Amino acid sequence: MKQRAAGILLPISSLPSKYGIGTMGREAYHFVDQLKAAGQKYWQVLPVGPTSFGDSPYQSFSAFAGNPYFIDLEILMKKGLISKEDVESCDWGDDPSDVDYAKIYNSRFVILHKAYRASGFRKDKRYQRFVKNNRYWLEDYSLYMALKFYFGGKEWLAWEENIRMHKKSAVKHYSQLLKEEINFWKFCQFEFFMQWRSLKKYANKQGVKVIGDIPLYVALDSADVWTHGDLFELDERKKPINVAGVPPDCFSEDGQLWGNPLYDWKAMEKNKFRWWEMRMRSNAALYDVIRIDHFIGVVNFWSIPAGSESAKNGKWRKGPGKKLTKVIKKATRGSDIIAEDLGVVGDKVRALIKETGWPGMKILQFAFDGDNKSEYLPHNFPSRNCIVYGGTHDNETIVGFYKEKTKKETKYVRNYLNIQKKDEIPKAMIRAGYASIANTAIFQMQDIFELDNTARMNLPSTVGINWRWRMLPNQFGEEHIKMLRKFCKLYNR
């Protein structure tokens, strides 16, 4: 990422679609064409793993698998695996700007089961290669998902004792009992990866690279923790001893209690970080660039005793640091990495990021508090080797952020951006990002559209209102494309 370029952050789920949620179908290819027309070199997505309760892509059932929701149904229709009548008989919701996850959950798997029964995928040589190339995780994940549905959707900690503890005899028993359902989940993964690779190949051909996003931690209710419990801080009953989060700060008096199980870094190191090596190798095959969320935790992490009601009584502990980044570099074979370095960034974090050569992030929403020494202001960027964002999926939209602020509160940002009115801020902020020395400038689609907080992607520590926003058909219009193309040309991106 050493050349000047620009990109757009838009999750797969936010693409337009007739069937409730964005997919890897026609609208995704159309969006790639629009990115090219707008002079954009990057398409950044959120994690594409299968989502669990709360629908967060950062709490996935697997660090390796793809989300079956993103399998395009029209592609399955063209293959003759399902009919248009099958799909249109389901209720996908009636608001094209919103994802109704309850309706998706109730309908998607019914349709995918029909496609599975009509498919001869097991005879496909591509499927046989896929199984061979993904044997590290595919069998475990498929059994895990079959078990989850068998036990009524309960988390694995609530399963029957023998299989909860991953006893070999129980694994063998359920692998036979649920053989057909296991094959269904393998089919879903095969379809996901075939569609994804086709889309990515098309994007690359159009000069657009895909930036993926991976959480540092994995969900407790995941195939990874159930299968590889010895690599996490779990007790003899496989329950978490300590969990992840961040300490109290100016944004939260209690800090953030994420609840993810922490890695047992000593066990990881003893195993030569094999799980991480396989995870990063898998993601390097998926994406052109990988953004590692909460990279700070690689150096030092906030450890909270399991059962705590807040993150207040946690403590800092030392992470693997350089030992892990060496493995990541080797596993990704030179793929570009973005280190999400937001939060409490100490000298050790800065030193490791500098040593890796990976770019960090600069958020313009954090910049204009009146202090001209802020590290997020463009004139204070330490080097070109960084990514400038207007905001991330966890932030308010730019319009939402400034909506309630007074003229006095917006004085500095208006002076800095050389504008008179508050409603000029979003466009001027995009221009400032493009004009900055940062090699890469990326803005959320919501900010390009100048939408308010009703289009916000995520409000941390809340459930049921997040990850739902969708772009409407034709909403990304010629006026937006012209503006971005103009800025790219003007600022050599």
Protein backbone atom coordinates (compact mmCIF):
# COMPACT_ATOMS: atom_id res chain seq x y z
CA MET A 1 0.00 0.00 0.00
CA LYS A 2 2.81 2.36 -0.88
CA GLN A 3 1.07 4.07 -3.81
CA ARG A 4 -1.43 6.89 -3.29
CA ALA A 5 -4.92 5.46 -3.57
CA ALA A 6 -8.46 5.67 -2.23
CA GLY A 7 -11.20 3.24 -1.31
CA ILE A 8 -14.68 2.79 0.12
CA LEU A 9 -15.74 0.88 3.22
CA LEU A 10 -18.95 -1.03 2.47
CA PRO A 11 -19.78 -4.42 4.05
CA ILE A 12 -21.09 -7.21 1.82
CA SER A 13 -24.27 -7.17 3.91
CA SER A 14 -24.89 -3.52 2.94
CA LEU A 15 -25.07 -4.14 -0.81
CA PRO A 16 -28.51 -3.81 -2.42
CA SER A 17 -30.40 -7.08 -2.86
CA LYS A 18 -33.93 -8.31 -3.47
CA TYR A 19 -33.56 -10.97 -0.83
CA GLY A 20 -32.94 -9.21 2.45
CA ILE A 21 -29.16 -8.87 2.66
CA GLY A 22 -26.24 -8.02 0.39
CA THR A 23 -24.60 -10.94 -1.41
CA MET A 24 -21.77 -11.79 -3.79
CA GLY A 25 -24.04 -11.53 -6.82
CA ARG A 26 -24.93 -9.04 -9.52
CA GLU A 27 -24.98 -5.95 -7.28
CA ALA A 28 -21.49 -6.75 -5.95
CA TYR A 29 -20.09 -6.86 -9.49
CA HIS A 30 -21.92 -3.63 -10.31
CA PHE A 31 -20.39 -2.00 -7.24
CA VAL A 32 -16.91 -3.02 -8.42
CA ASP A 33 -17.62 -1.30 -11.74
CA GLN A 34 -18.68 1.82 -9.86
CA LEU A 35 -15.52 1.76 -7.75
CA LYS A 36 -13.45 1.65 -10.91
CA ALA A 37 -15.44 4.54 -12.42
CA ALA A 38 -14.89 6.56 -9.23
CA GLY A 39 -11.11 6.05 -9.36
CA GLN A 40 -11.15 3.83 -6.27
CA LYS A 41 -8.44 1.20 -5.83
CA TYR A 42 -9.79 -0.47 -2.68
CA TRP A 43 -13.02 -2.03 -1.47
CA GLN A 44 -12.93 -2.58 2.27
CA VAL A 45 -15.41 -5.04 3.78
CA LEU A 46 -16.18 -6.08 7.35
CA PRO A 47 -15.41 -9.66 8.46
CA VAL A 48 -17.22 -12.17 6.23
CA GLY A 49 -17.53 -15.01 8.74
CA PRO A 50 -20.84 -16.62 9.80
CA THR A 51 -22.49 -14.48 12.45
CA SER A 52 -23.94 -15.58 15.78
CA PHE A 53 -26.32 -13.96 18.29
CA GLY A 54 -26.33 -10.18 17.85
CA ASP A 55 -25.36 -10.50 14.18
CA SER A 56 -21.93 -8.95 14.72
CA PRO A 57 -19.32 -9.93 12.12
CA TYR A 58 -16.81 -9.60 14.96
CA GLN A 59 -18.50 -12.47 16.87
CA SER A 60 -18.37 -15.33 14.41
CA PHE A 61 -18.92 -19.07 14.63
CA SER A 62 -15.59 -19.53 12.87
CA ALA A 63 -12.38 -17.62 12.16
CA PHE A 64 -12.11 -19.51 8.84
CA ALA A 65 -15.59 -20.04 7.40
CA GLY A 66 -17.65 -17.71 5.20
CA ASN A 67 -21.14 -16.41 5.95
CA PRO A 68 -23.84 -18.47 4.15
CA TYR A 69 -26.04 -15.36 4.13
CA PHE A 70 -23.74 -13.89 1.47
CA ILE A 71 -24.27 -16.77 -0.98
CA ASP A 72 -26.13 -15.22 -3.89
CA LEU A 73 -29.46 -16.91 -4.53
CA GLU A 74 -29.72 -15.73 -8.14
CA ILE A 75 -26.48 -17.57 -8.92
CA LEU A 76 -27.99 -20.71 -7.39
CA MET A 77 -31.08 -20.16 -9.58
CA LYS A 78 -28.92 -20.00 -12.70
CA LYS A 79 -27.33 -23.30 -11.68
CA GLY A 80 -30.82 -24.79 -11.51
CA LEU A 81 -30.47 -25.64 -7.81
CA ILE A 82 -33.47 -23.57 -6.69
CA SER A 83 -36.35 -21.83 -8.46
CA LYS A 84 -37.44 -18.21 -8.39
CA GLU A 85 -40.70 -19.41 -6.83
CA ASP A 86 -38.75 -21.07 -4.00
CA VAL A 87 -36.97 -17.80 -3.19
CA GLU A 88 -39.94 -15.48 -3.59
CA SER A 89 -42.13 -17.63 -1.36
CA CYS A 90 -39.97 -16.53 1.60
CA ASP A 91 -40.32 -13.33 3.61
CA TRP A 92 -37.07 -11.35 3.32
CA GLY A 93 -38.40 -8.15 4.89
CA ASP A 94 -39.99 -5.11 3.27
CA ASP A 95 -37.39 -2.39 3.92
CA PRO A 96 -34.62 -2.34 1.26
CA SER A 97 -32.45 -0.12 3.50
CA ASP A 98 -32.49 -2.59 6.41
CA VAL A 99 -31.36 -6.16 7.11
CA ASP A 100 -33.97 -8.09 9.10
CA TYR A 101 -31.72 -10.81 10.53
CA ALA A 102 -34.57 -12.78 12.11
CA LYS A 103 -36.23 -13.20 8.71
CA ILE A 104 -32.91 -14.01 7.05
CA TYR A 105 -32.23 -16.70 9.67
CA ASN A 106 -35.66 -18.26 9.26
CA SER A 107 -35.58 -18.32 5.44
CA ARG A 108 -31.99 -18.58 4.21
CA PHE A 109 -31.19 -22.06 5.45
CA VAL A 110 -34.48 -23.46 4.12
CA ILE A 111 -33.52 -22.27 0.63
CA LEU A 112 -29.89 -23.40 0.97
CA HIS A 113 -31.04 -26.88 2.04
CA LYS A 114 -33.10 -27.09 -1.17
CA ALA A 115 -30.04 -26.09 -3.20
CA TYR A 116 -27.95 -28.67 -1.32
CA ARG A 117 -30.38 -31.50 -2.09
CA ALA A 118 -30.39 -30.59 -5.79
CA SER A 119 -26.61 -30.30 -6.05
CA GLY A 120 -24.11 -32.91 -7.15
CA PHE A 121 -21.30 -30.90 -5.57
CA ARG A 122 -19.52 -33.92 -4.06
CA LYS A 123 -18.63 -35.16 -7.55
CA ASP A 124 -17.14 -31.78 -8.47
CA LYS A 125 -13.34 -31.93 -8.56
CA ARG A 126 -13.23 -28.32 -7.36
CA TYR A 127 -15.12 -29.41 -4.24
CA GLN A 128 -12.72 -32.27 -3.64
CA ARG A 129 -9.78 -29.83 -3.87
CA PHE A 130 -11.61 -27.42 -1.58
CA VAL A 131 -12.06 -30.10 1.09
CA LYS A 132 -8.41 -31.12 0.81
CA ASN A 133 -7.11 -27.55 0.98
CA ASN A 134 -9.30 -26.64 3.97
CA ARG A 135 -9.13 -29.82 6.02
CA TYR A 136 -7.59 -27.91 8.97
CA TRP A 137 -10.94 -26.28 9.80
CA LEU A 138 -13.74 -27.45 7.47
CA GLU A 139 -14.64 -30.76 9.13
CA ASP A 140 -14.62 -29.25 12.64
CA TYR A 141 -16.72 -26.26 11.59
CA SER A 142 -19.26 -28.37 9.70
CA LEU A 143 -19.68 -30.77 12.63
CA TYR A 144 -19.97 -27.81 15.01
CA MET A 145 -22.75 -26.20 12.95
CA ALA A 146 -24.60 -29.50 12.60
CA LEU A 147 -24.39 -29.95 16.37
CA LYS A 148 -25.56 -26.40 17.03
CA PHE A 149 -28.74 -26.98 15.06
CA TYR A 150 -29.15 -30.48 16.55
CA PHE A 151 -29.05 -28.98 20.07
CA GLY A 152 -31.58 -26.27 19.21
CA GLY A 153 -29.13 -23.44 18.61
CA LYS A 154 -27.56 -23.62 22.08
CA GLU A 155 -23.94 -22.57 22.58
CA TRP A 156 -21.54 -25.49 22.78
CA LEU A 157 -21.08 -25.02 26.54
CA ALA A 158 -24.71 -26.14 26.93
CA TRP A 159 -24.35 -29.33 24.85
CA GLU A 160 -24.26 -32.84 26.28
CA GLU A 161 -21.17 -33.50 28.37
CA ASN A 162 -19.18 -35.83 26.10
CA ILE A 163 -19.48 -33.76 22.94
CA ARG A 164 -19.12 -30.50 24.86
CA MET A 165 -15.75 -31.77 26.07
CA HIS A 166 -14.91 -32.84 22.51
CA LYS A 167 -14.34 -36.47 23.47
CA LYS A 168 -13.17 -38.58 20.51
CA SER A 169 -15.90 -41.19 20.96
CA ALA A 170 -18.58 -38.47 20.96
CA VAL A 171 -17.10 -36.77 17.90
CA LYS A 172 -17.15 -40.12 16.07
CA HIS A 173 -20.75 -40.84 17.14
CA TYR A 174 -22.16 -37.47 16.10
CA SER A 175 -20.13 -37.39 12.89
CA GLN A 176 -22.05 -40.50 11.82
CA LEU A 177 -25.40 -39.40 13.22
CA LEU A 178 -25.29 -35.96 11.58
CA LYS A 179 -23.45 -36.96 8.39
CA GLU A 180 -26.04 -35.46 6.03
CA GLU A 181 -26.20 -32.16 7.90
CA ILE A 182 -22.38 -31.98 8.04
CA ASN A 183 -22.33 -32.33 4.26
CA PHE A 184 -24.86 -29.49 4.02
CA TRP A 185 -22.53 -27.12 5.86
CA LYS A 186 -19.62 -28.20 3.66
CA PHE A 187 -21.79 -27.42 0.63
CA CYS A 188 -22.49 -23.93 1.99
CA GLN A 189 -18.79 -23.27 2.46
CA PHE A 190 -17.95 -24.57 -1.01
CA GLU A 191 -20.58 -22.28 -2.57
CA PHE A 192 -19.43 -19.30 -0.51
CA PHE A 193 -15.77 -19.66 -1.47
CA MET A 194 -16.52 -20.31 -5.15
CA GLN A 195 -18.66 -17.16 -5.34
CA TRP A 196 -16.18 -15.12 -3.31
CA ARG A 197 -13.19 -16.09 -5.44
CA SER A 198 -15.08 -15.28 -8.63
CA LEU A 199 -16.01 -11.84 -7.25
CA LYS A 200 -12.50 -11.10 -6.02
CA LYS A 201 -10.99 -12.19 -9.33
CA TYR A 202 -13.34 -9.79 -11.13
CA ALA A 203 -12.47 -6.94 -8.75
CA ASN A 204 -8.74 -7.49 -9.20
CA LYS A 205 -9.19 -7.54 -12.98
CA GLN A 206 -10.86 -4.11 -12.69
CA GLY A 207 -7.92 -2.79 -10.67
CA VAL A 208 -9.74 -2.98 -7.33
CA LYS A 209 -8.15 -4.71 -4.34
CA VAL A 210 -10.22 -6.13 -1.49
CA ILE A 211 -9.37 -5.17 2.09
CA GLY A 212 -10.61 -7.73 4.59
CA ASP A 213 -11.05 -7.25 8.30
CA ILE A 214 -10.35 -9.80 11.01
CA PRO A 215 -11.05 -9.49 14.75
CA LEU A 216 -8.06 -10.14 16.99
CA TYR A 217 -10.19 -12.38 19.21
CA VAL A 218 -12.71 -15.08 18.37
CA ALA A 219 -16.15 -15.69 19.86
CA LEU A 220 -16.51 -18.11 22.78
CA ASP A 221 -19.36 -19.80 20.92
CA SER A 222 -17.26 -20.82 17.95
CA ALA A 223 -15.87 -23.93 16.34
CA ASP A 224 -12.38 -22.61 17.07
CA VAL A 225 -12.76 -22.50 20.86
CA TRP A 226 -14.75 -25.74 21.01
CA THR A 227 -12.17 -27.60 18.91
CA HIS A 228 -8.96 -25.95 20.13
CA GLY A 229 -9.84 -25.31 23.79
CA ASP A 230 -6.25 -25.94 24.86
CA LEU A 231 -5.18 -22.76 23.03
CA PHE A 232 -7.45 -20.52 25.13
CA GLU A 233 -7.60 -19.56 28.81
CA LEU A 234 -10.25 -22.09 29.82
CA ASP A 235 -10.59 -24.10 33.02
CA GLU A 236 -10.95 -27.89 33.26
CA ARG A 237 -14.69 -27.52 32.46
CA LYS A 238 -13.77 -25.53 29.32
CA LYS A 239 -15.21 -22.32 30.78
CA PRO A 240 -13.32 -19.02 30.39
CA ILE A 241 -10.93 -17.99 33.16
CA ASN A 242 -10.32 -14.48 31.78
CA VAL A 243 -12.01 -12.58 28.98
CA ALA A 244 -11.19 -9.72 26.64
CA GLY A 245 -12.14 -6.05 26.68
CA VAL A 246 -10.65 -2.59 27.07
CA PRO A 247 -10.24 -0.45 30.20
CA PRO A 248 -12.29 2.63 31.12
CA ASP A 249 -11.50 5.71 29.03
CA CYS A 250 -13.04 9.02 27.99
CA PHE A 251 -15.63 7.15 25.91
CA SER A 252 -16.75 4.69 28.58
CA GLU A 253 -16.59 4.92 32.39
CA ASP A 254 -16.78 1.15 32.78
CA GLY A 255 -14.58 0.28 29.80
CA GLN A 256 -15.79 -2.35 27.34
CA LEU A 257 -16.43 -5.94 28.39
CA TRP A 258 -16.29 -7.92 25.14
CA GLY A 259 -16.36 -11.35 26.76
CA ASN A 260 -14.19 -13.14 24.18
CA PRO A 261 -11.97 -15.86 25.66
CA LEU A 262 -8.32 -14.86 25.80
CA TYR A 263 -5.63 -16.81 24.01
CA ASP A 264 -3.26 -18.91 26.07
CA TRP A 265 -0.22 -17.35 24.45
CA LYS A 266 2.20 -19.78 26.11
CA ALA A 267 0.29 -22.74 24.65
CA MET A 268 0.11 -20.93 21.29
CA GLU A 269 3.87 -20.39 21.29
CA LYS A 270 4.55 -23.99 22.29
CA ASN A 271 2.50 -25.01 19.24
CA LYS A 272 4.50 -22.55 17.09
CA PHE A 273 1.37 -20.42 16.66
CA ARG A 274 -0.01 -23.05 14.28
CA TRP A 275 -3.64 -21.88 14.64
CA TRP A 276 -2.65 -18.29 13.85
CA GLU A 277 -0.50 -19.41 10.95
CA MET A 278 -3.43 -21.30 9.41
CA ARG A 279 -5.84 -18.45 10.12
CA MET A 280 -3.65 -15.85 8.43
CA ARG A 281 -2.86 -18.13 5.50
CA SER A 282 -6.60 -18.62 4.99
CA ASN A 283 -7.26 -14.86 5.11
CA ALA A 284 -4.40 -14.11 2.73
CA ALA A 285 -6.17 -16.32 0.20
CA LEU A 286 -9.42 -14.40 0.76
CA TYR A 287 -8.15 -10.81 0.66
CA ASP A 288 -5.52 -8.62 -0.98
CA VAL A 289 -5.06 -6.64 2.25
CA ILE A 290 -5.86 -7.75 5.82
CA ARG A 291 -6.82 -5.27 8.55
CA ILE A 292 -6.17 -6.71 12.02
CA ASP A 293 -8.70 -5.26 14.44
CA HIS A 294 -7.43 -4.26 17.91
CA PHE A 295 -3.80 -4.82 16.95
CA ILE A 296 -2.81 -3.28 20.29
CA GLY A 297 -3.72 -6.59 21.92
CA VAL A 298 -0.79 -8.27 20.19
CA VAL A 299 1.56 -6.22 22.37
CA ASN A 300 -0.46 -5.89 25.58
CA PHE A 301 -4.03 -6.87 26.33
CA TRP A 302 -6.65 -6.08 28.96
CA SER A 303 -7.47 -9.23 30.93
CA ILE A 304 -10.79 -9.29 32.84
CA PRO A 305 -11.72 -12.11 35.25
CA ALA A 306 -14.63 -14.13 33.80
CA GLY A 307 -17.92 -13.27 35.48
CA SER A 308 -17.03 -9.60 35.98
CA GLU A 309 -19.89 -7.15 35.47
CA SER A 310 -17.66 -4.52 33.87
CA ALA A 311 -14.15 -4.11 32.49
CA LYS A 312 -13.05 -1.99 35.47
CA ASN A 313 -11.23 -4.67 37.43
CA GLY A 314 -9.13 -5.96 34.56
CA LYS A 315 -5.37 -5.63 34.22
CA TRP A 316 -2.80 -5.23 31.48
CA ARG A 317 -0.87 -8.32 30.45
CA LYS A 318 1.90 -8.85 27.95
CA GLY A 319 1.06 -10.24 24.50
CA PRO A 320 3.28 -12.24 22.12
CA GLY A 321 4.41 -9.17 20.18
CA LYS A 322 7.11 -9.81 17.60
CA LYS A 323 6.82 -13.60 17.96
CA LEU A 324 3.33 -13.43 16.47
CA THR A 325 3.98 -10.77 13.84
CA LYS A 326 6.80 -12.93 12.43
CA VAL A 327 4.34 -15.80 12.01
CA ILE A 328 1.77 -13.47 10.42
CA LYS A 329 4.29 -12.14 7.91
CA LYS A 330 5.38 -15.63 6.94
CA ALA A 331 1.81 -16.96 6.67
CA THR A 332 0.56 -14.06 4.54
CA ARG A 333 3.54 -14.28 2.18
CA GLY A 334 3.95 -10.53 1.78
CA SER A 335 0.26 -9.58 1.65
CA ASP A 336 -0.42 -6.08 2.87
CA ILE A 337 -1.48 -5.74 6.51
CA ILE A 338 -3.20 -2.81 8.24
CA ALA A 339 -2.64 -2.56 12.00
CA GLU A 340 -5.71 -1.09 13.70
CA ASP A 341 -3.86 0.94 16.31
CA LEU A 342 -6.75 2.86 17.90
CA GLY A 343 -7.05 3.12 21.68
CA VAL A 344 -4.26 3.17 24.26
CA VAL A 345 -1.21 3.17 22.01
CA GLY A 346 1.99 2.94 24.03
CA ASP A 347 5.59 3.16 22.91
CA LYS A 348 5.89 -0.62 22.59
CA VAL A 349 2.92 -0.76 20.21
CA ARG A 350 4.34 2.08 18.11
CA ALA A 351 7.75 0.39 18.03
CA LEU A 352 6.33 -2.95 16.85
CA ILE A 353 4.19 -1.34 14.14
CA LYS A 354 7.21 0.61 12.94
CA GLU A 355 9.31 -2.55 12.87
CA THR A 356 6.71 -4.48 10.85
CA GLY A 357 6.32 -1.61 8.40
CA TRP A 358 2.54 -2.05 8.52
CA PRO A 359 0.45 1.12 8.21
CA GLY A 360 -1.67 2.27 11.13
CA MET A 361 -4.92 4.24 11.08
CA LYS A 362 -5.81 7.93 11.41
CA ILE A 363 -9.45 8.82 12.11
CA LEU A 364 -10.52 12.33 11.11
CA GLN A 365 -13.50 12.30 13.48
CA PHE A 366 -10.99 12.21 16.34
CA ALA A 367 -8.97 15.13 14.99
CA PHE A 368 -10.95 18.33 15.41
CA ASP A 369 -11.27 18.86 19.16
CA GLY A 370 -9.47 22.21 19.02
CA ASP A 371 -6.01 20.86 19.79
CA ASN A 372 -3.76 21.56 16.80
CA LYS A 373 -1.29 18.94 18.06
CA SER A 374 -3.70 15.99 17.61
CA GLU A 375 -2.03 13.05 15.87
CA TYR A 376 -5.20 12.60 13.78
CA LEU A 377 -4.92 15.99 12.09
CA PRO A 378 -3.54 15.67 8.55
CA HIS A 379 -0.71 18.14 9.16
CA ASN A 380 0.53 15.94 12.02
CA PHE A 381 0.55 12.59 10.21
CA PRO A 382 4.05 11.23 10.93
CA SER A 383 4.51 9.63 7.51
CA ARG A 384 2.78 8.59 4.30
CA ASN A 385 2.60 5.04 5.61
CA CYS A 386 -0.88 5.25 7.15
CA ILE A 387 -4.55 4.90 6.25
CA VAL A 388 -6.80 7.91 6.80
CA TYR A 389 -10.47 7.26 7.54
CA GLY A 390 -13.37 9.62 8.18
CA GLY A 391 -14.65 7.11 10.72
CA THR A 392 -14.98 3.37 11.18
CA HIS A 393 -17.95 1.01 11.56
CA ASP A 394 -17.91 1.73 15.32
CA ASN A 395 -18.17 5.50 14.91
CA GLU A 396 -21.09 7.78 14.30
CA THR A 397 -21.49 8.98 10.74
CA ILE A 398 -19.80 12.32 10.09
CA VAL A 399 -23.21 14.03 9.85
CA GLY A 400 -24.37 12.33 13.06
CA PHE A 401 -21.16 13.25 14.89
CA TYR A 402 -21.59 16.97 14.24
CA LYS A 403 -25.40 17.16 14.23
CA GLU A 404 -25.86 18.36 17.83
CA LYS A 405 -22.64 20.35 18.06
CA THR A 406 -22.88 24.13 18.37
CA LYS A 407 -21.27 26.74 16.14
CA LYS A 408 -18.67 27.28 18.86
CA GLU A 409 -17.90 23.55 19.03
CA THR A 410 -17.48 23.30 15.25
CA LYS A 411 -15.39 26.46 14.93
CA TYR A 412 -12.05 24.66 14.73
CA VAL A 413 -13.17 22.08 12.18
CA ARG A 414 -14.75 24.79 10.01
CA ASN A 415 -11.61 26.93 10.19
CA TYR A 416 -9.37 23.96 9.45
CA LEU A 417 -11.45 22.81 6.48
CA ASN A 418 -12.01 26.41 5.32
CA ILE A 419 -15.80 26.16 5.23
CA GLN A 420 -18.62 28.29 6.67
CA LYS A 421 -21.46 25.87 7.38
CA LYS A 422 -21.77 22.67 9.40
CA ASP A 423 -23.46 20.84 6.52
CA GLU A 424 -20.33 21.33 4.42
CA ILE A 425 -18.22 19.23 6.81
CA PRO A 426 -18.69 15.73 5.28
CA LYS A 427 -17.55 16.65 1.78
CA ALA A 428 -14.76 18.89 3.09
CA MET A 429 -13.54 16.09 5.36
CA ILE A 430 -13.38 13.68 2.44
CA ARG A 431 -11.40 16.27 0.49
CA ALA A 432 -9.03 16.74 3.45
CA GLY A 433 -8.46 12.98 3.67
CA TYR A 434 -7.73 12.74 -0.04
CA ALA A 435 -5.43 15.77 0.11
CA SER A 436 -3.44 14.40 3.07
CA ILE A 437 -0.05 12.74 2.78
CA ALA A 438 -1.53 9.36 3.81
CA ASN A 439 -0.94 6.79 1.09
CA THR A 440 -4.50 5.51 1.42
CA ALA A 441 -7.78 7.33 2.10
CA ILE A 442 -10.91 5.29 2.90
CA PHE A 443 -14.39 6.57 3.71
CA GLN A 444 -17.58 4.78 4.68
CA MET A 445 -20.30 4.82 2.07
CA GLN A 446 -22.65 6.41 4.60
CA ASP A 447 -20.32 9.41 4.83
CA ILE A 448 -20.09 9.74 1.06
CA PHE A 449 -23.90 9.84 1.06
CA GLU A 450 -23.86 12.33 3.99
CA LEU A 451 -26.27 10.22 6.03
CA ASP A 452 -27.11 10.75 9.71
CA ASN A 453 -26.83 8.23 12.55
CA THR A 454 -29.87 6.27 11.39
CA ALA A 455 -27.35 4.74 8.96
CA ARG A 456 -24.76 4.06 11.66
CA MET A 457 -23.31 0.57 11.33
CA ASN A 458 -22.59 -0.22 14.97
CA LEU A 459 -23.16 1.30 18.38
CA PRO A 460 -20.81 -0.67 20.69
CA SER A 461 -22.32 -2.45 23.69
CA THR A 462 -25.81 -2.62 22.15
CA VAL A 463 -27.64 -5.54 20.51
CA GLY A 464 -30.39 -5.71 17.90
CA ILE A 465 -29.90 -2.36 16.19
CA ASN A 466 -26.53 -2.90 14.55
CA TRP A 467 -25.09 -4.19 11.26
CA ARG A 468 -28.42 -3.55 9.54
CA TRP A 469 -27.90 -0.61 7.16
CA ARG A 470 -28.14 -1.31 3.42
CA MET A 471 -27.43 0.84 0.40
CA LEU A 472 -30.45 1.33 -1.85
CA PRO A 473 -30.32 0.39 -5.55
CA ASN A 474 -28.89 3.31 -7.57
CA GLN A 475 -28.11 5.29 -4.38
CA PHE A 476 -24.43 5.41 -5.33
CA GLY A 477 -25.10 7.80 -8.19
CA GLU A 478 -23.13 9.61 -10.84
CA GLU A 479 -22.75 12.73 -8.69
CA HIS A 480 -20.92 10.72 -6.00
CA ILE A 481 -18.78 8.94 -8.58
CA LYS A 482 -17.83 12.24 -10.23
CA MET A 483 -16.89 13.81 -6.89
CA LEU A 484 -14.64 10.92 -5.89
CA ARG A 485 -13.07 10.66 -9.33
CA LYS A 486 -12.37 14.40 -9.24
CA PHE A 487 -10.71 14.17 -5.82
CA CYS A 488 -8.63 11.17 -6.95
CA LYS A 489 -7.37 13.06 -9.97
CA LEU A 490 -6.83 16.29 -8.05
CA TYR A 491 -4.80 14.65 -5.28
CA ASN A 492 -3.04 11.95 -7.34
CA ARG A 493 -4.90 8.94 -5.95
